[in-house]
C-alpha atoms as a PDB file:
ATOM      1  CA  MET A   1     -44.662 -34.626 -86.241  1.00  0.00           C
ATOM      2  CA  THR A   2     -48.167 -33.289 -84.359  1.00  0.00           C
ATOM      3  CA  LEU A   3     -50.249 -36.228 -82.934  1.00  0.00           C
ATOM      4  CA  ARG A   4     -53.618 -35.796 -83.484  1.00  0.00           C
ATOM      5  CA  LYS A   5     -57.150 -37.624 -81.570  1.00  0.00           C
ATOM      6  CA  LEU A   6     -59.669 -39.188 -83.699  1.00  0.00           C
ATOM      7  CA  ALA A   7     -62.142 -37.271 -83.099  1.00  0.00           C
ATOM      8  CA  TRP A   8     -59.895 -33.815 -84.521  1.00  0.00           C
ATOM      9  CA  TRP A   9     -60.168 -35.493 -88.005  1.00  0.00           C
ATOM     10  CA  GLY A  10     -64.128 -34.847 -87.861  1.00  0.00           C
ATOM     11  CA  SER A  11     -65.308 -36.383 -90.923  1.00  0.00           C
ATOM     12  CA  HIS A  12     -61.869 -38.633 -91.381  1.00  0.00           C
ATOM     13  CA  ARG A  13     -62.853 -42.866 -91.401  1.00  0.00           C
ATOM     14  CA  LEU A  14     -60.613 -45.421 -90.822  1.00  0.00           C
ATOM     15  CA  ALA A  15     -59.239 -47.181 -93.707  1.00  0.00           C
ATOM     16  CA  THR A  16     -61.397 -49.626 -95.501  1.00  0.00           C
ATOM     17  CA  GLY A  17     -61.115 -52.665 -92.688  1.00  0.00           C
ATOM     18  CA  SER A  18     -59.105 -51.069 -90.312  1.00  0.00           C
ATOM     19  CA  PRO A  19     -61.541 -52.023 -87.179  1.00  0.00           C
ATOM     20  CA  ASP A  20     -62.005 -48.685 -84.414  1.00  0.00           C
ATOM     21  CA  VAL A  21     -60.474 -50.050 -81.252  1.00  0.00           C
ATOM     22  CA  ARG A  22     -62.450 -47.699 -79.485  1.00  0.00           C
ATOM     23  CA  GLY A  23     -64.217 -49.788 -76.517  1.00  0.00           C
ATOM     24  CA  TRP A  24     -62.027 -52.492 -76.377  1.00  0.00           C
ATOM     25  CA  ARG A  25     -60.645 -54.610 -74.111  1.00  0.00           C
ATOM     26  CA  VAL A  26     -56.983 -54.228 -73.538  1.00  0.00           C
ATOM     27  CA  LEU A  27     -55.176 -57.436 -71.980  1.00  0.00           C
ATOM     28  CA  ASP A  28     -51.454 -57.756 -71.237  1.00  0.00           C
ATOM     29  CA  GLU A  29     -49.968 -61.288 -72.212  1.00  0.00           C
ATOM     30  CA  ALA A  30     -51.070 -63.464 -69.353  1.00  0.00           C
ATOM     31  CA  GLY A  31     -55.039 -62.363 -70.168  1.00  0.00           C
ATOM     32  CA  ALA A  32     -55.239 -60.023 -67.367  1.00  0.00           C
ATOM     33  CA  GLU A  33     -57.373 -57.481 -68.210  1.00  0.00           C
ATOM     34  CA  LEU A  34     -55.521 -54.027 -67.551  1.00  0.00           C
ATOM     35  CA  GLY A  35     -58.510 -51.513 -69.053  1.00  0.00           C
ATOM     36  CA  VAL A  36     -60.253 -49.889 -72.060  1.00  0.00           C
ATOM     37  CA  ILE A  37     -59.272 -48.190 -75.535  1.00  0.00           C
ATOM     38  CA  VAL A  38     -60.693 -44.528 -75.295  1.00  0.00           C
ATOM     39  CA  ASP A  39     -58.750 -42.694 -78.163  1.00  0.00           C
ATOM     40  CA  LEU A  40     -56.510 -43.625 -81.007  1.00  0.00           C
ATOM     41  CA  ILE A  41     -53.903 -40.911 -81.888  1.00  0.00           C
ATOM     42  CA  PHE A  42     -52.730 -40.106 -85.276  1.00  0.00           C
ATOM     43  CA  ASP A  43     -49.863 -38.421 -86.922  1.00  0.00           C
ATOM     44  CA  ASP A  44     -51.104 -35.385 -88.543  1.00  0.00           C
ATOM     45  CA  GLU A  45     -48.610 -35.772 -91.651  1.00  0.00           C
ATOM     46  CA  ASN A  46     -49.575 -38.613 -92.662  1.00  0.00           C
ATOM     47  CA  GLY A  47     -52.515 -40.073 -91.249  1.00  0.00           C
ATOM     48  CA  LEU A  48     -50.570 -43.165 -89.570  1.00  0.00           C
ATOM     49  CA  ALA A  49     -52.110 -44.485 -85.871  1.00  0.00           C
ATOM     50  CA  ARG A  50     -49.528 -43.808 -83.784  1.00  0.00           C
ATOM     51  CA  TYR A  51     -51.006 -44.838 -79.949  1.00  0.00           C
ATOM     52  CA  VAL A  52     -54.273 -45.409 -78.534  1.00  0.00           C
ATOM     53  CA  GLY A  53     -55.549 -43.777 -75.243  1.00  0.00           C
ATOM     54  CA  LEU A  54     -55.748 -46.459 -72.468  1.00  0.00           C
ATOM     55  CA  ARG A  55     -57.745 -45.746 -69.571  1.00  0.00           C
ATOM     56  CA  VAL A  56     -56.342 -47.414 -66.741  1.00  0.00           C
ATOM     57  CA  ALA A  57     -57.541 -47.751 -63.063  1.00  0.00           C
ATOM     58  CA  GLY A  58     -58.520 -44.042 -63.955  1.00  0.00           C
ATOM     59  CA  GLU A  59     -55.276 -42.630 -65.570  1.00  0.00           C
ATOM     60  CA  LYS A  60     -54.886 -42.294 -69.305  1.00  0.00           C
ATOM     61  CA  VAL A  61     -52.300 -43.224 -70.873  1.00  0.00           C
ATOM     62  CA  LEU A  62     -50.707 -43.383 -74.482  1.00  0.00           C
ATOM     63  CA  VAL A  63     -49.542 -47.382 -75.924  1.00  0.00           C
ATOM     64  CA  PRO A  64     -48.115 -47.034 -79.369  1.00  0.00           C
ATOM     65  CA  VAL A  65     -50.470 -49.244 -81.828  1.00  0.00           C
ATOM     66  CA  ALA A  66     -46.833 -50.948 -82.895  1.00  0.00           C
ATOM     67  CA  ALA A  67     -47.017 -52.355 -78.792  1.00  0.00           C
ATOM     68  CA  LEU A  68     -51.043 -54.469 -79.652  1.00  0.00           C
ATOM     69  CA  GLU A  69     -51.927 -57.512 -81.130  1.00  0.00           C
ATOM     70  CA  LEU A  70     -54.719 -57.026 -81.981  1.00  0.00           C
ATOM     71  CA  ARG A  71     -57.713 -59.864 -82.232  1.00  0.00           C
ATOM     72  CA  PRO A  72     -60.870 -58.257 -84.220  1.00  0.00           C
ATOM     73  CA  CYS A  73     -62.711 -61.123 -83.465  1.00  0.00           C
ATOM     74  CA  GLU A  74     -62.961 -61.130 -79.270  1.00  0.00           C
ATOM     75  CA  ARG A  75     -62.558 -56.713 -80.084  1.00  0.00           C
ATOM     76  CA  VAL A  76     -59.579 -56.886 -77.541  1.00  0.00           C
ATOM     77  CA  ALA A  77     -56.284 -55.717 -77.936  1.00  0.00           C
ATOM     78  CA  VAL A  78     -53.262 -57.306 -76.202  1.00  0.00           C
ATOM     79  CA  VAL A  79     -49.965 -55.668 -75.008  1.00  0.00           C
ATOM     80  CA  SER A  80     -47.301 -57.311 -76.516  1.00  0.00           C
ATOM     81  CA  GLY A  81     -43.267 -56.011 -75.797  1.00  0.00           C
ATOM     82  CA  GLY A  82     -43.146 -56.316 -72.117  1.00  0.00           C
ATOM     83  CA  PRO A  83     -45.031 -55.253 -69.041  1.00  0.00           C
ATOM     84  CA  LEU A  84     -47.511 -52.001 -69.929  1.00  0.00           C
ATOM     85  CA  GLY A  85     -45.170 -49.808 -67.809  1.00  0.00           C
ATOM     86  CA  LEU A  86     -42.441 -50.607 -70.354  1.00  0.00           C
ATOM     87  CA  VAL A  87     -43.951 -49.235 -73.606  1.00  0.00           C
ATOM     88  CA  ALA A  88     -46.772 -46.702 -72.411  1.00  0.00           C
ATOM     89  CA  GLN A  89     -46.320 -42.892 -71.078  1.00  0.00           C
ATOM     90  CA  ARG A  90     -49.038 -40.861 -68.962  1.00  0.00           C
ATOM     91  CA  GLU A  91     -51.144 -38.917 -71.280  1.00  0.00           C
ATOM     92  CA  GLU A  92     -50.254 -35.292 -69.422  1.00  0.00           C
ATOM     93  CA  ASN A  93     -46.728 -36.259 -70.669  1.00  0.00           C
ATOM     94  CA  ALA A  94     -47.415 -36.355 -74.063  1.00  0.00           C
ATOM     95  CA  ASP A  95     -49.383 -33.460 -74.267  1.00  0.00           C
ATOM     96  CA  ASP A  96     -46.773 -31.051 -75.926  1.00  0.00           C
ATOM     97  CA  ARG A  97     -46.186 -33.704 -78.291  1.00  0.00           C
ATOM     98  CA  HIS A  98     -50.405 -34.166 -79.465  1.00  0.00           C
ATOM     99  CA  GLN A  99     -53.254 -32.260 -80.025  1.00  0.00           C
ATOM    100  CA  GLY A 100     -57.271 -32.075 -80.004  1.00  0.00           C
END
């Protein structure tokens, strides 16, 4: 599986009805702000979003899409499934898994 940032896809558009979450705030389950989504990372084989790139305290981490609860009306994503440290990985540790 090759992972690529949304920008790599060029004219690729999100599926109809799917929100572009870049720029959304990310909160923990208690409501504390963790950071802002800066990237969407897609599986090159099937075009599905697998991760979001999140800027946290000046560092970029990847969070699985499955660990997020999206709240489109608020433009917020909530990390579920435990503390951010349990679901996220530093982006440089994932460089061998994605390109672009």
